[in-house]
Amino acid sequence: MTGFEIAWAAWAGAFVVIEGIALKRKQPGDTLSEQVWRIFGTRRDVEYPKGQPSGPLRLRRFTLLAFLAWLVVHFMTGGLV
């Protein structure tokens, strides 16, 4: 194994441990999903209970959408994009 393969495996292992602990604790805001939801304001009752999301929040959401779209295409094309 190369150093990068070891590093990526360690990163994945750390994620599994952290997420596992978060799931076991069952406290709000522990999991990666809950952190992403908080950062990108997907909980309507919390982020913008009385209207539309602000410009900065829309920009954060668009950035997430663009990144995830690129990542899917990147993985599916074998890195051609």
N, C-alpha and C. Protein backbone atom coordinates (compact mmCIF):
# COMPACT_ATOMS: atom_id res chain seq x y z
N MET A 1 0.84 -1.19 0.00
CA MET A 1 0.00 0.00 0.00
C MET A 1 0.88 1.25 0.00
N THR A 2 0.39 2.25 -0.73
CA THR A 2 1.11 3.51 -0.75
C THR A 2 0.72 4.34 0.47
N GLY A 3 1.47 5.40 0.68
CA GLY A 3 1.16 6.30 1.79
C GLY A 3 -0.23 6.92 1.66
N PHE A 4 -0.60 7.26 0.42
CA PHE A 4 -1.92 7.85 0.22
C PHE A 4 -3.03 6.84 0.46
N GLU A 5 -2.83 5.60 0.07
CA GLU A 5 -3.84 4.58 0.35
C GLU A 5 -4.03 4.40 1.85
N ILE A 6 -2.95 4.40 2.57
CA ILE A 6 -3.01 4.28 4.04
C ILE A 6 -3.72 5.50 4.64
N ALA A 7 -3.37 6.69 4.15
CA ALA A 7 -3.98 7.91 4.67
C ALA A 7 -5.49 7.94 4.41
N TRP A 8 -5.91 7.56 3.19
CA TRP A 8 -7.34 7.55 2.87
C TRP A 8 -8.07 6.49 3.69
N ALA A 9 -7.44 5.35 3.89
CA ALA A 9 -8.05 4.30 4.73
C ALA A 9 -8.19 4.78 6.17
N ALA A 10 -7.18 5.49 6.66
CA ALA A 10 -7.25 6.03 8.03
C ALA A 10 -8.35 7.08 8.14
N TRP A 11 -8.46 7.92 7.11
CA TRP A 11 -9.52 8.93 7.08
C TRP A 11 -10.89 8.28 7.11
N ALA A 12 -11.08 7.25 6.29
CA ALA A 12 -12.36 6.53 6.25
C ALA A 12 -12.64 5.86 7.59
N GLY A 13 -11.60 5.27 8.18
CA GLY A 13 -11.76 4.63 9.49
C GLY A 13 -12.13 5.64 10.56
N ALA A 14 -11.50 6.81 10.52
CA ALA A 14 -11.83 7.86 11.49
C ALA A 14 -13.29 8.29 11.33
N PHE A 15 -13.74 8.42 10.08
CA PHE A 15 -15.13 8.79 9.84
C PHE A 15 -16.07 7.76 10.44
N VAL A 16 -15.79 6.48 10.20
CA VAL A 16 -16.65 5.42 10.72
C VAL A 16 -16.71 5.47 12.25
N VAL A 17 -15.58 5.69 12.89
CA VAL A 17 -15.54 5.76 14.35
C VAL A 17 -16.32 6.98 14.85
N ILE A 18 -16.04 8.15 14.27
CA ILE A 18 -16.71 9.38 14.70
C ILE A 18 -18.22 9.29 14.49
N GLU A 19 -18.62 8.85 13.32
CA GLU A 19 -20.06 8.74 13.02
C GLU A 19 -20.71 7.68 13.91
N GLY A 20 -20.01 6.58 14.15
CA GLY A 20 -20.55 5.54 15.03
C GLY A 20 -20.78 6.04 16.44
N ILE A 21 -19.82 6.79 16.97
CA ILE A 21 -19.99 7.37 18.30
C ILE A 21 -21.16 8.35 18.30
N ALA A 22 -21.24 9.17 17.26
CA ALA A 22 -22.34 10.14 17.17
C ALA A 22 -23.69 9.45 17.12
N LEU A 23 -23.79 8.38 16.35
CA LEU A 23 -25.06 7.65 16.26
C LEU A 23 -25.42 7.00 17.59
N LYS A 24 -24.42 6.50 18.29
CA LYS A 24 -24.67 5.85 19.57
C LYS A 24 -25.12 6.87 20.63
N ARG A 25 -24.51 8.06 20.62
CA ARG A 25 -24.87 9.11 21.60
C ARG A 25 -26.28 9.64 21.39
N LYS A 26 -26.69 9.73 20.14
CA LYS A 26 -28.02 10.22 19.79
C LYS A 26 -28.28 11.65 20.30
N GLN A 27 -27.25 12.48 20.30
CA GLN A 27 -27.40 13.88 20.68
C GLN A 27 -27.56 14.73 19.43
N PRO A 28 -28.37 15.77 19.48
CA PRO A 28 -28.54 16.63 18.31
C PRO A 28 -27.22 17.26 17.88
N GLY A 29 -26.98 17.27 16.58
CA GLY A 29 -25.79 17.92 16.04
C GLY A 29 -24.53 17.09 16.02
N ASP A 30 -24.60 15.81 16.36
CA ASP A 30 -23.40 14.98 16.42
C ASP A 30 -22.99 14.40 15.07
N THR A 31 -23.95 14.01 14.24
CA THR A 31 -23.62 13.30 13.01
C THR A 31 -23.20 14.26 11.90
N LEU A 32 -22.54 13.72 10.90
CA LEU A 32 -22.14 14.54 9.75
C LEU A 32 -23.37 15.13 9.07
N SER A 33 -24.42 14.34 8.92
CA SER A 33 -25.64 14.84 8.29
C SER A 33 -26.18 16.04 9.04
N GLU A 34 -26.24 15.95 10.35
CA GLU A 34 -26.77 17.06 11.14
C GLU A 34 -25.90 18.30 11.02
N GLN A 35 -24.60 18.13 10.92
CA GLN A 35 -23.70 19.26 10.72
C GLN A 35 -23.93 19.91 9.36
N VAL A 36 -24.08 19.08 8.33
CA VAL A 36 -24.34 19.61 6.98
C VAL A 36 -25.67 20.33 6.96
N TRP A 37 -26.70 19.75 7.56
CA TRP A 37 -28.01 20.39 7.62
C TRP A 37 -27.92 21.75 8.31
N ARG A 38 -27.11 21.84 9.37
CA ARG A 38 -26.96 23.10 10.09
C ARG A 38 -26.23 24.13 9.23
N ILE A 39 -25.11 23.72 8.63
CA ILE A 39 -24.31 24.64 7.83
C ILE A 39 -25.08 25.17 6.63
N PHE A 40 -25.86 24.29 5.98
CA PHE A 40 -26.56 24.68 4.77
C PHE A 40 -28.03 25.02 5.01
N GLY A 41 -28.42 25.10 6.28
CA GLY A 41 -29.73 25.60 6.65
C GLY A 41 -30.91 24.88 6.04
N THR A 42 -30.92 23.57 6.13
CA THR A 42 -32.01 22.82 5.52
C THR A 42 -33.20 22.62 6.45
N ARG A 43 -33.07 23.01 7.70
CA ARG A 43 -34.20 22.91 8.63
C ARG A 43 -34.96 24.22 8.61
N ARG A 44 -36.08 24.24 7.91
CA ARG A 44 -36.85 25.46 7.68
C ARG A 44 -37.24 26.14 9.00
N ASP A 45 -37.64 25.38 9.98
CA ASP A 45 -38.10 25.97 11.24
C ASP A 45 -36.98 26.63 12.02
N VAL A 46 -35.74 26.25 11.75
CA VAL A 46 -34.61 26.80 12.49
C VAL A 46 -33.96 27.96 11.74
N GLU A 47 -33.65 27.78 10.47
CA GLU A 47 -32.86 28.75 9.72
C GLU A 47 -33.67 29.96 9.26
N TYR A 48 -34.85 29.76 8.74
CA TYR A 48 -35.63 30.89 8.24
C TYR A 48 -37.12 30.61 8.46
N PRO A 49 -37.56 30.71 9.71
CA PRO A 49 -38.93 30.33 10.03
C PRO A 49 -39.99 31.24 9.40
N LYS A 50 -39.63 32.46 9.01
CA LYS A 50 -40.65 33.40 8.53
C LYS A 50 -40.37 33.91 7.13
N GLY A 51 -39.86 33.09 6.25
CA GLY A 51 -39.64 33.58 4.90
C GLY A 51 -38.60 32.78 4.14
N GLN A 52 -38.04 33.43 3.16
CA GLN A 52 -37.06 32.79 2.29
C GLN A 52 -35.66 32.88 2.89
N PRO A 53 -34.80 31.96 2.50
CA PRO A 53 -33.42 32.01 3.00
C PRO A 53 -32.69 33.24 2.47
N SER A 54 -31.71 33.68 3.24
CA SER A 54 -30.94 34.87 2.87
C SER A 54 -30.01 34.57 1.69
N GLY A 55 -29.44 35.63 1.11
CA GLY A 55 -28.51 35.47 0.00
C GLY A 55 -27.31 34.61 0.34
N PRO A 56 -26.63 34.86 1.49
CA PRO A 56 -25.48 34.02 1.84
C PRO A 56 -25.85 32.53 2.01
N LEU A 57 -27.03 32.27 2.57
CA LEU A 57 -27.47 30.89 2.73
C LEU A 57 -27.73 30.26 1.37
N ARG A 58 -28.34 30.99 0.47
CA ARG A 58 -28.56 30.47 -0.88
C ARG A 58 -27.23 30.19 -1.58
N LEU A 59 -26.25 31.04 -1.38
CA LEU A 59 -24.94 30.83 -1.97
C LEU A 59 -24.29 29.57 -1.40
N ARG A 60 -24.38 29.36 -0.09
CA ARG A 60 -23.84 28.14 0.52
C ARG A 60 -24.51 26.91 -0.05
N ARG A 61 -25.83 26.97 -0.20
CA ARG A 61 -26.56 25.82 -0.76
C ARG A 61 -26.17 25.56 -2.21
N PHE A 62 -26.05 26.62 -3.01
CA PHE A 62 -25.64 26.45 -4.40
C PHE A 62 -24.24 25.86 -4.48
N THR A 63 -23.34 26.33 -3.62
CA THR A 63 -21.98 25.80 -3.59
C THR A 63 -21.99 24.31 -3.29
N LEU A 64 -22.78 23.89 -2.31
CA LEU A 64 -22.90 22.47 -1.98
C LEU A 64 -23.45 21.69 -3.16
N LEU A 65 -24.51 22.19 -3.78
CA LEU A 65 -25.11 21.51 -4.92
C LEU A 65 -24.12 21.38 -6.07
N ALA A 66 -23.41 22.46 -6.39
CA ALA A 66 -22.44 22.44 -7.49
C ALA A 66 -21.31 21.46 -7.19
N PHE A 67 -20.82 21.47 -5.96
CA PHE A 67 -19.73 20.55 -5.60
C PHE A 67 -20.18 19.10 -5.71
N LEU A 68 -21.35 18.79 -5.17
CA LEU A 68 -21.83 17.41 -5.22
C LEU A 68 -22.11 16.96 -6.64
N ALA A 69 -22.65 17.87 -7.47
CA ALA A 69 -22.89 17.53 -8.88
C ALA A 69 -21.56 17.23 -9.57
N TRP A 70 -20.57 18.09 -9.35
CA TRP A 70 -19.25 17.87 -9.95
C TRP A 70 -18.65 16.55 -9.46
N LEU A 71 -18.77 16.28 -8.16
CA LEU A 71 -18.18 15.07 -7.59
C LEU A 71 -18.77 13.81 -8.20
N VAL A 72 -20.09 13.78 -8.37
CA VAL A 72 -20.74 12.62 -8.99
C VAL A 72 -20.24 12.43 -10.42
N VAL A 73 -20.23 13.51 -11.19
CA VAL A 73 -19.75 13.41 -12.57
C VAL A 73 -18.28 13.00 -12.60
N HIS A 74 -17.49 13.55 -11.73
CA HIS A 74 -16.06 13.22 -11.63
C HIS A 74 -15.87 11.72 -11.36
N PHE A 75 -16.60 11.20 -10.40
CA PHE A 75 -16.48 9.77 -10.07
C PHE A 75 -17.00 8.89 -11.20
N MET A 76 -18.13 9.28 -11.79
CA MET A 76 -18.76 8.44 -12.81
C MET A 76 -18.00 8.42 -14.13
N THR A 77 -17.19 9.46 -14.40
CA THR A 77 -16.45 9.51 -15.67
C THR A 77 -15.01 9.07 -15.50
N GLY A 78 -14.65 8.61 -14.32
CA GLY A 78 -13.27 8.18 -14.10
C GLY A 78 -12.27 9.32 -14.09
N GLY A 79 -12.71 10.51 -13.72
CA GLY A 79 -11.81 11.64 -13.61
C GLY A 79 -11.66 12.47 -14.86
N LEU A 80 -12.48 12.23 -15.85
CA LEU A 80 -12.40 13.03 -17.08
C LEU A 80 -12.92 14.44 -16.88
N VAL A 81 -13.69 14.63 -15.84
CA VAL A 81 -14.24 15.95 -15.53
C VAL A 81 -13.74 16.39 -14.18
